[in-house]
Amino acid sequence: MRRYLSETKDHSGGALRSFRNWIPDRGPSNRPLQIVGLELCADLNVDVATAAIQGEDLWKYFDSIKVFTKDGRIVWDANGEASRLEAILRVGPLRFREHADVGTGTGVTVNVRCFIPCAIPRAKLASDFELPAYLLEKVEVKLADNSTLDIGSSAVTINSGSVYVNAWCREIDSLALPVPWEFKTASWSGTDEQVIAVNGALLYSAFVYANGASGGASLAGFDDHRIDGLIEHPWDEVDAMFWQTWARGESKFDGSTVGNPVFGSPFSAATPSARLLWGLADGESLRSCPYIPGDLTIRATNSVSSLITGYTVLHNRSKRTSELAARKFGIPESAWRVHTRKGSRRNPSRWGGRAAFMPLRAPDPRTAS
């Protein structure tokens, strides 16, 4: 794994900071680079009065996080709170490091680290979702002002700070056009129904949460949900917990207290602050993602207000993307081939109607013999 460090920019409350053109297209071995994840870093000097800042809430320093690609997509568009939940959902609690609480004091040093996964590690072929370095346009973040971190009883003053991005990358042997994905959020207009215009994409995952202290407000009033065409019978908290345990193996218990998880997760805690609405189990392939031709309609028995849905969708391939890559690396568009499991590579009937969504690979002209 290779780390590429962006330039460093100063903190200014409410300001936008953009980072671009710091990752090469190729690594030290002259092979194409793919981005596994982007680590947003903020080294701050703060005054904390009245009460500590909860570690879960430090992600809120990034009021907005956007990752743009050169083919015109915004592949990540969410605030820090939703980004934390999506990161945990993608990589699992065993690979997620929660921040420690920050106690009261003056001139306290706080090192905020927020990891944005640019892959879907749980997929059968995780590399097919990684973001090629040549496709990254920029990372844009909006920084919090003092009031943003005044959560609960805590009163925070940000005295100074610096912001930068670590890109964690790896080299691959061929040129890649991954499955295009986007992570977004959408606010509920009421309490019992939400309609999201997906319009011809595959649904990879969706979850619901509400803004609040300590990583989010309680969802105690969110009794159950259904999704038109996907989940016809009410799915409650017990169902969601079972799925997290069986499908992803996320409940790790200690030896003394039955039901007490060693590794906490906002999705499977005793009082969850996020609820899974839809997702794939470990190792499921792209063929398991449902195709949503129009709207994604979620119906709930719920009394929690101000709900927000975070969701990841997979789009079909863009000709603009393949043309960009062909120009960049000097290869004909005809060089691209579907990248899938060996037994189904030349058998489209086994792609489950997902031909337009399949990842592509092409020989690298610099390394091909």
Protein backbone atom coordinates (compact mmCIF):
# COMPACT_ATOMS: atom_id res chain seq x y z
CA MET A 1 0.00 0.00 0.00
CA ARG A 2 1.32 3.45 -0.92
CA ARG A 3 0.47 6.73 0.78
CA TYR A 4 0.37 10.01 -1.12
CA LEU A 5 0.18 13.19 0.94
CA SER A 6 -1.60 16.29 -0.35
CA GLU A 7 -0.61 19.86 0.35
CA THR A 8 -1.56 21.24 3.78
CA LYS A 9 -4.08 24.06 4.14
CA ASP A 10 -4.97 26.22 7.13
CA HIS A 11 -8.19 25.94 9.08
CA SER A 12 -10.79 28.65 8.62
CA GLY A 13 -14.27 28.16 10.03
CA GLY A 14 -16.89 27.56 7.35
CA ALA A 15 -14.32 27.63 4.52
CA LEU A 16 -14.09 25.30 1.54
CA ARG A 17 -10.79 23.53 0.99
CA SER A 18 -9.99 21.70 -2.25
CA PHE A 19 -7.22 19.18 -2.89
CA ARG A 20 -6.25 18.07 -6.38
CA ASN A 21 -3.36 16.86 -8.55
CA TRP A 22 -1.28 15.21 -5.83
CA ILE A 23 -1.63 11.54 -6.80
CA PRO A 24 0.34 10.25 -9.82
CA ASP A 25 -1.33 7.97 -12.35
CA ARG A 26 1.36 5.36 -11.80
CA GLY A 27 3.24 4.05 -8.79
CA PRO A 28 6.95 3.39 -8.21
CA SER A 29 6.80 0.20 -10.30
CA ASN A 30 5.29 2.14 -13.23
CA ARG A 31 1.99 0.32 -12.84
CA PRO A 32 -1.42 2.06 -12.66
CA LEU A 33 -2.52 3.25 -9.22
CA GLN A 34 -5.94 2.66 -7.69
CA ILE A 35 -7.19 4.55 -4.63
CA VAL A 36 -8.32 2.28 -1.81
CA GLY A 37 -9.28 5.14 0.49
CA LEU A 38 -8.89 8.84 1.26
CA GLU A 39 -7.94 9.79 4.82
CA LEU A 40 -9.12 13.30 5.69
CA CYS A 41 -6.82 14.75 8.34
CA ALA A 42 -7.20 17.79 10.57
CA ASP A 43 -4.67 18.72 13.26
CA LEU A 44 -6.41 21.21 15.50
CA ASN A 45 -5.74 23.33 18.57
CA VAL A 46 -8.99 23.79 20.49
CA ASP A 47 -10.45 25.00 23.76
CA VAL A 48 -13.11 22.69 25.19
CA ALA A 49 -15.36 23.96 28.00
CA THR A 50 -18.20 22.54 30.11
CA ALA A 51 -18.11 18.96 28.77
CA ALA A 52 -15.96 16.69 26.62
CA ILE A 53 -16.37 16.26 22.87
CA GLN A 54 -17.47 12.72 22.12
CA GLY A 55 -15.06 10.94 19.79
CA GLU A 56 -17.89 9.93 17.45
CA ASP A 57 -18.70 13.60 16.88
CA LEU A 58 -15.26 14.67 15.65
CA TRP A 59 -16.24 13.64 12.12
CA LYS A 60 -18.58 16.64 12.19
CA TYR A 61 -15.54 18.87 11.79
CA PHE A 62 -15.99 18.10 8.10
CA ASP A 63 -19.31 19.81 7.49
CA SER A 64 -19.35 18.57 3.91
CA ILE A 65 -17.23 16.01 2.06
CA LYS A 66 -17.28 15.71 -1.73
CA VAL A 67 -15.12 13.58 -4.01
CA PHE A 68 -15.28 14.55 -7.70
CA THR A 69 -14.13 12.45 -10.66
CA LYS A 70 -13.03 13.59 -14.09
CA ASP A 71 -15.97 11.91 -15.81
CA GLY A 72 -18.37 14.36 -14.14
CA ARG A 73 -19.48 12.36 -11.10
CA ILE A 74 -19.55 13.23 -7.42
CA VAL A 75 -18.86 9.79 -6.00
CA TRP A 76 -19.03 10.90 -2.36
CA ASP A 77 -21.40 13.67 -1.25
CA ALA A 78 -22.24 13.74 2.45
CA ASN A 79 -21.49 15.44 5.75
CA GLY A 80 -19.03 14.03 8.28
CA GLU A 81 -21.66 12.28 10.38
CA ALA A 82 -23.09 10.30 7.44
CA SER A 83 -19.58 9.61 6.16
CA ARG A 84 -18.63 7.99 9.47
CA LEU A 85 -21.62 5.66 9.28
CA GLU A 86 -20.95 4.71 5.66
CA ALA A 87 -17.29 4.04 6.44
CA ILE A 88 -18.27 1.69 9.28
CA LEU A 89 -20.88 -0.01 7.10
CA ARG A 90 -18.36 -0.61 4.31
CA VAL A 91 -15.30 -1.77 6.21
CA GLY A 92 -16.93 -3.11 9.39
CA PRO A 93 -16.17 -2.25 13.03
CA LEU A 94 -13.06 -4.47 13.14
CA ARG A 95 -11.33 -2.19 10.62
CA PHE A 96 -12.68 1.09 11.93
CA ARG A 97 -10.92 3.16 14.57
CA GLU A 98 -13.18 5.41 16.64
CA HIS A 99 -11.74 8.63 18.01
CA ALA A 100 -11.21 8.99 21.74
CA ASP A 101 -13.25 11.60 23.59
CA VAL A 102 -11.61 15.00 23.98
CA GLY A 103 -11.75 16.30 27.54
CA THR A 104 -12.14 19.88 28.69
CA GLY A 105 -9.12 22.16 28.62
CA THR A 106 -7.42 25.00 26.77
CA GLY A 107 -4.98 24.57 23.91
CA VAL A 108 -5.90 20.92 23.49
CA THR A 109 -4.39 19.14 20.48
CA VAL A 110 -6.93 17.14 18.48
CA ASN A 111 -5.95 14.96 15.52
CA VAL A 112 -9.07 14.21 13.49
CA ARG A 113 -8.80 11.29 11.06
CA CYS A 114 -11.75 10.43 8.81
CA PHE A 115 -11.35 7.55 6.36
CA ILE A 116 -13.38 7.62 3.15
CA PRO A 117 -13.34 4.13 1.57
CA CYS A 118 -12.92 4.40 -2.21
CA ALA A 119 -13.62 0.70 -2.58
CA ILE A 120 -16.23 -1.74 -1.37
CA PRO A 121 -14.10 -4.26 0.57
CA ARG A 122 -16.97 -6.68 1.21
CA ALA A 123 -17.62 -7.27 -2.50
CA LYS A 124 -16.55 -10.51 -4.15
CA LEU A 125 -14.05 -8.58 -6.33
CA ALA A 126 -13.32 -5.56 -4.15
CA SER A 127 -10.75 -4.13 -6.57
CA ASP A 128 -13.47 -3.67 -9.20
CA PHE A 129 -14.88 -0.82 -7.10
CA GLU A 130 -11.63 1.02 -6.34
CA LEU A 131 -11.17 4.49 -7.78
CA PRO A 132 -8.37 4.72 -10.40
CA ALA A 133 -6.00 7.56 -9.58
CA TYR A 134 -6.31 8.99 -13.09
CA LEU A 135 -10.06 9.51 -12.54
CA LEU A 136 -9.83 11.62 -9.37
CA GLU A 137 -10.60 15.27 -10.04
CA LYS A 138 -10.54 16.73 -6.53
CA VAL A 139 -11.53 16.30 -2.89
CA GLU A 140 -13.51 19.22 -1.50
CA VAL A 141 -14.37 19.70 2.16
CA LYS A 142 -16.24 22.38 4.04
CA LEU A 143 -14.76 22.98 7.48
CA ALA A 144 -16.77 23.44 10.64
CA ASP A 145 -17.00 26.65 12.55
CA ASN A 146 -17.01 26.72 16.35
CA SER A 147 -20.78 26.27 16.70
CA THR A 148 -20.75 23.03 14.68
CA LEU A 149 -18.81 21.23 17.40
CA ASP A 150 -20.90 22.70 20.26
CA ILE A 151 -22.69 19.39 20.67
CA GLY A 152 -24.61 18.55 23.81
CA SER A 153 -23.10 20.52 26.70
CA SER A 154 -19.71 20.95 25.05
CA ALA A 155 -18.51 24.47 24.11
CA VAL A 156 -15.67 24.40 21.58
CA THR A 157 -13.37 27.11 20.25
CA ILE A 158 -11.10 26.16 17.34
CA ASN A 159 -7.98 28.29 17.79
CA SER A 160 -6.02 27.09 14.78
CA GLY A 161 -5.46 24.05 12.63
CA SER A 162 -4.30 22.50 9.39
CA VAL A 163 -6.04 20.18 6.96
CA TYR A 164 -4.67 17.69 4.43
CA VAL A 165 -5.52 14.39 2.74
CA ASN A 166 -3.71 11.06 2.66
CA ALA A 167 -4.52 8.92 -0.37
CA TRP A 168 -3.93 5.22 0.25
CA CYS A 169 -3.25 3.51 -3.06
CA ARG A 170 -2.07 0.25 -4.55
CA GLU A 171 -0.64 -0.70 -7.92
CA ILE A 172 -2.39 -3.07 -10.30
CA ASP A 173 -1.16 -4.91 -13.38
CA SER A 174 -3.70 -3.61 -15.91
CA LEU A 175 -5.75 -0.53 -16.68
CA ALA A 176 -9.13 -0.49 -14.95
CA LEU A 177 -12.58 0.95 -15.45
CA PRO A 178 -14.32 0.15 -12.15
CA VAL A 179 -18.00 -0.16 -11.38
CA PRO A 180 -19.08 3.50 -11.01
CA TRP A 181 -20.61 4.06 -7.58
CA GLU A 182 -21.95 7.07 -5.69
CA PHE A 183 -22.65 7.61 -1.99
CA LYS A 184 -25.24 10.28 -1.21
CA THR A 185 -27.70 11.32 1.48
CA ALA A 186 -31.34 12.40 1.34
CA SER A 187 -33.48 13.93 4.12
CA TRP A 188 -36.95 12.63 4.92
CA SER A 189 -39.74 15.13 4.40
CA GLY A 190 -41.94 13.35 6.95
CA THR A 191 -41.70 10.40 9.30
CA ASP A 192 -43.37 7.51 7.51
CA GLU A 193 -42.17 7.61 3.89
CA GLN A 194 -39.23 8.64 1.75
CA VAL A 195 -38.94 8.60 -2.03
CA ILE A 196 -35.46 8.82 -3.61
CA ALA A 197 -35.05 9.18 -7.38
CA VAL A 198 -32.49 6.49 -8.27
CA ASN A 199 -33.40 6.29 -11.97
CA GLY A 200 -31.71 3.27 -13.47
CA ALA A 201 -29.03 2.22 -10.97
CA LEU A 202 -28.24 -0.78 -8.80
CA LEU A 203 -28.83 -0.39 -5.07
CA TYR A 204 -25.81 -1.53 -3.08
CA SER A 205 -26.76 -0.38 0.42
CA ALA A 206 -28.92 2.05 2.37
CA PHE A 207 -29.19 3.08 6.02
CA VAL A 208 -31.09 5.63 8.06
CA TYR A 209 -29.99 7.89 10.93
CA ALA A 210 -30.82 11.21 12.60
CA ASN A 211 -28.39 13.97 13.53
CA GLY A 212 -27.50 14.08 17.20
CA ALA A 213 -24.77 13.93 19.83
CA SER A 214 -22.57 10.86 20.36
CA GLY A 215 -22.73 9.80 16.74
CA GLY A 216 -26.42 10.37 16.13
CA ALA A 217 -29.81 10.58 17.81
CA SER A 218 -31.60 7.52 19.13
CA LEU A 219 -33.74 5.59 16.67
CA ALA A 220 -35.93 4.14 19.41
CA GLY A 221 -39.06 5.34 17.60
CA PHE A 222 -38.08 3.80 14.27
CA ASP A 223 -40.08 0.58 14.67
CA ASP A 224 -39.81 -1.05 11.26
CA HIS A 225 -39.51 -0.35 7.54
CA ARG A 226 -40.37 -1.74 4.11
CA ILE A 227 -38.97 -0.97 0.67
CA ASP A 228 -41.32 -1.19 -2.30
CA GLY A 229 -40.38 -4.17 -4.45
CA LEU A 230 -37.57 -5.30 -2.11
CA ILE A 231 -38.83 -5.71 1.47
CA GLU A 232 -42.58 -6.28 1.50
CA HIS A 233 -42.90 -7.39 5.13
CA PRO A 234 -41.91 -5.05 7.97
CA TRP A 235 -38.23 -5.30 8.92
CA ASP A 236 -37.60 -4.27 12.55
CA GLU A 237 -34.54 -3.75 14.73
CA VAL A 238 -34.27 -7.45 15.55
CA ASP A 239 -34.20 -8.28 11.83
CA ALA A 240 -31.52 -5.67 11.20
CA MET A 241 -29.41 -6.99 14.10
CA PHE A 242 -29.72 -10.54 12.80
CA TRP A 243 -28.59 -9.44 9.35
CA GLN A 244 -25.55 -7.61 10.76
CA THR A 245 -24.57 -10.76 12.68
CA TRP A 246 -25.31 -13.47 10.13
CA ALA A 247 -24.50 -11.70 6.86
CA ARG A 248 -21.47 -9.72 8.00
CA GLY A 249 -20.28 -11.34 11.21
CA GLU A 250 -20.19 -8.05 13.09
CA SER A 251 -21.34 -9.14 16.55
CA LYS A 252 -18.28 -10.16 18.57
CA PHE A 253 -19.14 -11.00 22.17
CA ASP A 254 -16.96 -11.10 25.25
CA GLY A 255 -16.86 -14.13 27.53
CA SER A 256 -18.58 -12.63 30.56
CA THR A 257 -21.72 -10.84 29.45
CA VAL A 258 -24.02 -12.52 26.97
CA GLY A 259 -25.00 -10.14 24.20
CA ASN A 260 -22.34 -7.56 25.08
CA PRO A 261 -20.37 -6.71 21.92
CA VAL A 262 -16.61 -6.23 22.22
CA PHE A 263 -16.41 -4.22 19.03
CA GLY A 264 -19.05 -1.51 18.98
CA SER A 265 -20.94 -0.45 15.89
CA PRO A 266 -23.68 2.19 15.59
CA PHE A 267 -25.63 -0.40 13.59
CA SER A 268 -25.52 -3.16 16.19
CA ALA A 269 -25.10 -1.35 19.52
CA ALA A 270 -27.55 -1.85 22.40
CA THR A 271 -29.08 1.51 21.43
CA PRO A 272 -28.37 1.84 17.69
CA SER A 273 -27.90 5.30 16.19
CA ALA A 274 -28.18 3.93 12.64
CA ARG A 275 -30.40 1.28 11.06
CA LEU A 276 -29.54 -0.75 8.00
CA LEU A 277 -32.31 -0.55 5.38
CA TRP A 278 -30.74 -2.69 2.67
CA GLY A 279 -27.36 -4.29 2.03
CA LEU A 280 -25.46 -7.26 0.66
CA ALA A 281 -23.88 -10.01 2.69
CA ASP A 282 -20.13 -10.58 2.63
CA GLY A 283 -18.95 -11.91 -0.72
CA GLU A 284 -22.16 -11.33 -2.65
CA SER A 285 -21.62 -10.31 -6.25
CA LEU A 286 -22.91 -7.40 -8.25
CA ARG A 287 -25.67 -9.67 -9.57
CA SER A 288 -27.30 -9.52 -6.10
CA CYS A 289 -27.83 -5.75 -6.28
CA PRO A 290 -31.45 -4.93 -7.22
CA TYR A 291 -32.00 -2.73 -10.24
CA ILE A 292 -34.06 0.38 -9.42
CA PRO A 293 -35.53 1.78 -12.67
CA GLY A 294 -37.15 4.82 -11.06
CA ASP A 295 -37.82 5.73 -7.42
CA LEU A 296 -36.63 3.96 -4.29
CA THR A 297 -39.61 4.15 -1.91
CA ILE A 298 -39.05 3.49 1.79
CA ARG A 299 -42.05 3.18 4.13
CA ALA A 300 -41.70 3.13 7.90
CA THR A 301 -43.57 2.83 11.17
CA ASN A 302 -41.70 5.65 12.82
CA SER A 303 -41.95 8.63 15.16
CA VAL A 304 -38.35 9.89 14.88
CA SER A 305 -38.13 13.27 13.15
CA SER A 306 -35.47 14.63 10.79
CA LEU A 307 -34.37 11.26 9.46
CA ILE A 308 -31.65 11.02 6.81
CA THR A 309 -30.97 8.13 4.45
CA GLY A 310 -27.44 7.38 3.30
CA TYR A 311 -27.29 5.19 0.22
CA THR A 312 -24.79 3.79 -2.27
CA VAL A 313 -25.83 3.11 -5.86
CA LEU A 314 -23.92 1.57 -8.76
CA HIS A 315 -24.27 3.13 -12.20
CA ASN A 316 -23.77 1.71 -15.65
CA ARG A 317 -20.57 2.47 -17.48
CA SER A 318 -20.13 5.89 -19.02
CA LYS A 319 -18.69 6.17 -22.51
CA ARG A 320 -17.09 9.41 -21.34
CA THR A 321 -15.08 7.44 -18.78
CA SER A 322 -13.75 4.89 -21.27
CA GLU A 323 -12.88 7.64 -23.75
CA LEU A 324 -11.01 9.56 -21.05
CA ALA A 325 -9.01 6.48 -20.09
CA ALA A 326 -8.29 5.60 -23.72
CA ARG A 327 -6.86 9.09 -24.35
CA LYS A 328 -4.94 9.10 -21.09
CA PHE A 329 -3.13 5.83 -21.70
CA GLY A 330 -3.10 5.75 -25.49
CA ILE A 331 -5.16 2.62 -26.01
CA PRO A 332 -8.08 1.95 -28.36
CA GLU A 333 -11.50 1.65 -26.78
CA SER A 334 -11.70 -1.83 -28.29
CA ALA A 335 -8.99 -2.93 -25.83
CA TRP A 336 -11.41 -2.93 -22.89
CA ARG A 337 -12.67 -6.34 -21.76
CA VAL A 338 -15.18 -7.30 -19.10
CA HIS A 339 -13.46 -8.21 -15.83
CA THR A 340 -15.31 -10.89 -13.93
CA ARG A 341 -14.84 -14.38 -12.64
CA LYS A 342 -12.98 -16.63 -15.07
CA GLY A 343 -15.86 -19.01 -15.70
CA SER A 344 -18.28 -16.30 -16.80
CA ARG A 345 -15.94 -13.88 -18.59
CA ARG A 346 -17.06 -14.87 -22.08
CA ASN A 347 -20.57 -15.91 -21.13
CA PRO A 348 -22.85 -12.84 -20.87
CA SER A 349 -25.80 -15.06 -19.98
CA ARG A 350 -24.18 -15.55 -16.57
CA TRP A 351 -23.93 -11.82 -15.84
CA GLY A 352 -27.53 -11.67 -14.63
CA GLY A 353 -28.57 -8.77 -16.86
CA ARG A 354 -25.75 -6.64 -15.49
CA ALA A 355 -23.62 -6.29 -18.64
CA ALA A 356 -23.81 -2.47 -18.63
CA PHE A 357 -22.56 -2.39 -15.03
CA MET A 358 -19.63 -4.80 -15.36
CA PRO A 359 -16.09 -3.53 -14.62
CA LEU A 360 -13.59 -3.41 -17.47
CA ARG A 361 -9.87 -4.09 -17.72
CA ALA A 362 -7.35 -3.48 -20.53
CA PRO A 363 -3.68 -4.46 -20.95
CA ASP A 364 -1.29 -1.74 -19.86
CA PRO A 365 0.75 -0.79 -22.97
CA ARG A 366 3.77 0.03 -20.80
CA THR A 367 3.96 -3.38 -19.17
CA ALA A 368 2.28 -5.74 -21.65
CA SER A 369 4.74 -8.04 -23.33
